[in-house]
C-alpha atoms as a PDB file:
ATOM      1  CA  UNK A   1      32.189  20.992 -15.650  1.00  0.00           C
ATOM      2  CA  UNK A   2      31.717  17.451 -15.098  1.00  0.00           C
ATOM      3  CA  UNK A   3      31.195  17.658 -11.493  1.00  0.00           C
ATOM      4  CA  UNK A   4      28.035  20.009 -11.594  1.00  0.00           C
ATOM      5  CA  UNK A   5      25.911  17.517 -14.028  1.00  0.00           C
ATOM      6  CA  UNK A   6      27.047  14.414 -11.670  1.00  0.00           C
ATOM      7  CA  UNK A   7      25.815  16.250  -8.364  1.00  0.00           C
ATOM      8  CA  UNK A   8      22.214  16.446  -9.248  1.00  0.00           C
ATOM      9  CA  UNK A   9      21.987  13.297 -10.862  1.00  0.00           C
ATOM     10  CA  UNK A  10      23.800  11.963  -7.707  1.00  0.00           C
ATOM     11  CA  UNK A  11      20.751  13.899  -5.632  1.00  0.00           C
ATOM     12  CA  UNK A  12      18.091  12.358  -7.490  1.00  0.00           C
ATOM     13  CA  UNK A  13      19.449   8.728  -6.884  1.00  0.00           C
ATOM     14  CA  UNK A  14      19.518   9.197  -3.714  1.00  0.00           C
ATOM     15  CA  UNK A  15      16.047  10.604  -3.317  1.00  0.00           C
ATOM     16  CA  UNK A  16      14.445   7.896  -5.477  1.00  0.00           C
ATOM     17  CA  UNK A  17      16.360   5.190  -3.006  1.00  0.00           C
ATOM     18  CA  UNK A  18      15.028   6.877   0.454  1.00  0.00           C
ATOM     19  CA  UNK A  19      12.587   4.592   1.982  1.00  0.00           C
ATOM     20  CA  UNK A  20       9.304   6.839   2.538  1.00  0.00           C
ATOM     21  CA  UNK A  21       7.541   6.905   6.327  1.00  0.00           C
ATOM     22  CA  UNK A  22       4.106   5.815   5.982  1.00  0.00           C
ATOM     23  CA  UNK A  23       2.197   6.251   8.801  1.00  0.00           C
ATOM     24  CA  UNK A  24      -1.563   4.591   9.689  1.00  0.00           C
ATOM     25  CA  UNK A  25      -1.967   8.216  11.758  1.00  0.00           C
ATOM     26  CA  UNK A  26      -1.467   9.533   8.009  1.00  0.00           C
ATOM     27  CA  UNK A  27      -5.345   8.549   7.205  1.00  0.00           C
ATOM     28  CA  UNK A  28      -7.754  11.051   8.427  1.00  0.00           C
ATOM     29  CA  UNK A  29     -10.431   9.771  10.893  1.00  0.00           C
ATOM     30  CA  UNK A  30     -13.653   8.746   9.337  1.00  0.00           C
ATOM     31  CA  UNK A  31     -12.143   8.567   5.866  1.00  0.00           C
ATOM     32  CA  UNK A  32     -13.631   5.893   3.484  1.00  0.00           C
ATOM     33  CA  UNK A  33     -11.356   3.360   1.440  1.00  0.00           C
ATOM     34  CA  UNK A  34     -11.089   5.065  -2.040  1.00  0.00           C
ATOM     35  CA  UNK A  35      -9.691   2.667  -4.728  1.00  0.00           C
ATOM     36  CA  UNK A  36      -7.047   4.073  -6.599  1.00  0.00           C
ATOM     37  CA  UNK A  37      -4.553   3.193  -9.802  1.00  0.00           C
ATOM     38  CA  UNK A  38      -1.840   3.365  -7.150  1.00  0.00           C
ATOM     39  CA  UNK A  39      -2.734   0.546  -5.638  1.00  0.00           C
ATOM     40  CA  UNK A  40      -1.793  -1.589  -8.606  1.00  0.00           C
ATOM     41  CA  UNK A  41       1.676  -0.906  -7.731  1.00  0.00           C
ATOM     42  CA  UNK A  42       1.472  -3.075  -4.277  1.00  0.00           C
ATOM     43  CA  UNK A  43       0.459  -6.229  -6.056  1.00  0.00           C
ATOM     44  CA  UNK A  44       3.213  -9.100  -6.081  1.00  0.00           C
ATOM     45  CA  UNK A  45       4.496  -7.519  -2.764  1.00  0.00           C
ATOM     46  CA  UNK A  46       4.876  -9.842   0.210  1.00  0.00           C
ATOM     47  CA  UNK A  47       2.403  -9.014   2.894  1.00  0.00           C
ATOM     48  CA  UNK A  48       4.244  -7.403   5.773  1.00  0.00           C
ATOM     49  CA  UNK A  49       3.000  -4.602   8.647  1.00  0.00           C
ATOM     50  CA  UNK A  50       4.997  -2.058   7.019  1.00  0.00           C
ATOM     51  CA  UNK A  51       3.212  -2.718   3.505  1.00  0.00           C
ATOM     52  CA  UNK A  52      -0.326  -3.056   5.225  1.00  0.00           C
ATOM     53  CA  UNK A  53       0.219   1.211   6.490  1.00  0.00           C
ATOM     54  CA  UNK A  54       1.114   2.032   2.836  1.00  0.00           C
ATOM     55  CA  UNK A  55      -1.931   0.282   1.366  1.00  0.00           C
ATOM     56  CA  UNK A  56      -4.074   1.624   4.180  1.00  0.00           C
ATOM     57  CA  UNK A  57      -2.559   4.998   3.455  1.00  0.00           C
ATOM     58  CA  UNK A  58      -2.911   4.969  -0.307  1.00  0.00           C
ATOM     59  CA  UNK A  59      -6.301   3.738   0.045  1.00  0.00           C
ATOM     60  CA  UNK A  60      -7.057   6.321   2.681  1.00  0.00           C
ATOM     61  CA  UNK A  61      -8.911   3.108   4.587  1.00  0.00           C
ATOM     62  CA  UNK A  62      -8.922   3.409   8.545  1.00  0.00           C
ATOM     63  CA  UNK A  63      -9.414  -0.637   8.140  1.00  0.00           C
ATOM     64  CA  UNK A  64      -7.119  -3.629   6.409  1.00  0.00           C
ATOM     65  CA  UNK A  65      -8.359  -7.254   6.018  1.00  0.00           C
ATOM     66  CA  UNK A  66      -5.679  -9.653   4.655  1.00  0.00           C
ATOM     67  CA  UNK A  67      -7.414 -12.419   2.594  1.00  0.00           C
ATOM     68  CA  UNK A  68      -5.074 -15.686   2.932  1.00  0.00           C
ATOM     69  CA  UNK A  69      -5.685 -17.881  -0.637  1.00  0.00           C
ATOM     70  CA  UNK A  70      -8.615 -19.810  -0.121  1.00  0.00           C
ATOM     71  CA  UNK A  71     -10.045 -18.461   2.909  1.00  0.00           C
ATOM     72  CA  UNK A  72     -13.648 -17.864   3.750  1.00  0.00           C
ATOM     73  CA  UNK A  73     -14.517 -14.446   4.455  1.00  0.00           C
ATOM     74  CA  UNK A  74     -17.833 -12.848   5.624  1.00  0.00           C
ATOM     75  CA  UNK A  75     -19.793 -10.720   3.004  1.00  0.00           C
ATOM     76  CA  UNK A  76     -20.486  -7.775   5.218  1.00  0.00           C
ATOM     77  CA  UNK A  77     -19.715  -4.646   3.628  1.00  0.00           C
ATOM     78  CA  UNK A  78     -17.436  -2.027   5.502  1.00  0.00           C
ATOM     79  CA  UNK A  79     -16.966   1.503   3.500  1.00  0.00           C
ATOM     80  CA  UNK A  80     -13.856   1.826   5.610  1.00  0.00           C
ATOM     81  CA  UNK A  81     -11.684  -1.448   4.916  1.00  0.00           C
ATOM     82  CA  UNK A  82      -9.669  -2.283   2.002  1.00  0.00           C
ATOM     83  CA  UNK A  83      -9.640  -6.042   1.676  1.00  0.00           C
ATOM     84  CA  UNK A  84      -6.717  -7.671   0.429  1.00  0.00           C
ATOM     85  CA  UNK A  85      -6.296 -10.934  -1.338  1.00  0.00           C
ATOM     86  CA  UNK A  86      -3.110 -12.796  -0.833  1.00  0.00           C
ATOM     87  CA  UNK A  87      -1.788 -15.700  -3.296  1.00  0.00           C
ATOM     88  CA  UNK A  88      -0.135 -18.811  -1.458  1.00  0.00           C
ATOM     89  CA  UNK A  89       2.824 -17.336  -1.460  1.00  0.00           C
ATOM     90  CA  UNK A  90       1.393 -14.438   1.121  1.00  0.00           C
ATOM     91  CA  UNK A  91       2.194 -11.831  -1.754  1.00  0.00           C
ATOM     92  CA  UNK A  92      -1.165  -9.443  -2.888  1.00  0.00           C
ATOM     93  CA  UNK A  93      -2.714 -10.506  -5.653  1.00  0.00           C
ATOM     94  CA  UNK A  94      -5.313  -7.433  -5.236  1.00  0.00           C
ATOM     95  CA  UNK A  95      -7.740  -5.388  -3.428  1.00  0.00           C
ATOM     96  CA  UNK A  96     -10.684  -4.088  -3.194  1.00  0.00           C
ATOM     97  CA  UNK A  97     -12.278  -1.290  -0.514  1.00  0.00           C
ATOM     98  CA  UNK A  98     -15.495  -3.048   1.084  1.00  0.00           C
END
């Protein structure tokens, strides 16, 4: 009886720890950046290529712009771009579409 109970728990644990494969090709062509609550889950994570792909997919943004702490940026607006603000340790502070 105990073996039957533990098997589903083990499967759930394995599924929860698997890395989800996310690619930029999952962003539909011509899509625009869409802010969503899921983006908040990325705050505090270190900047990386893998993180960029996950952010772009979560926001459906075909473009991404990293902004380092204190970096000057242009004020041009692009509906297709996700702008990611980083702190001095290169960790995500906030994100906005545009």
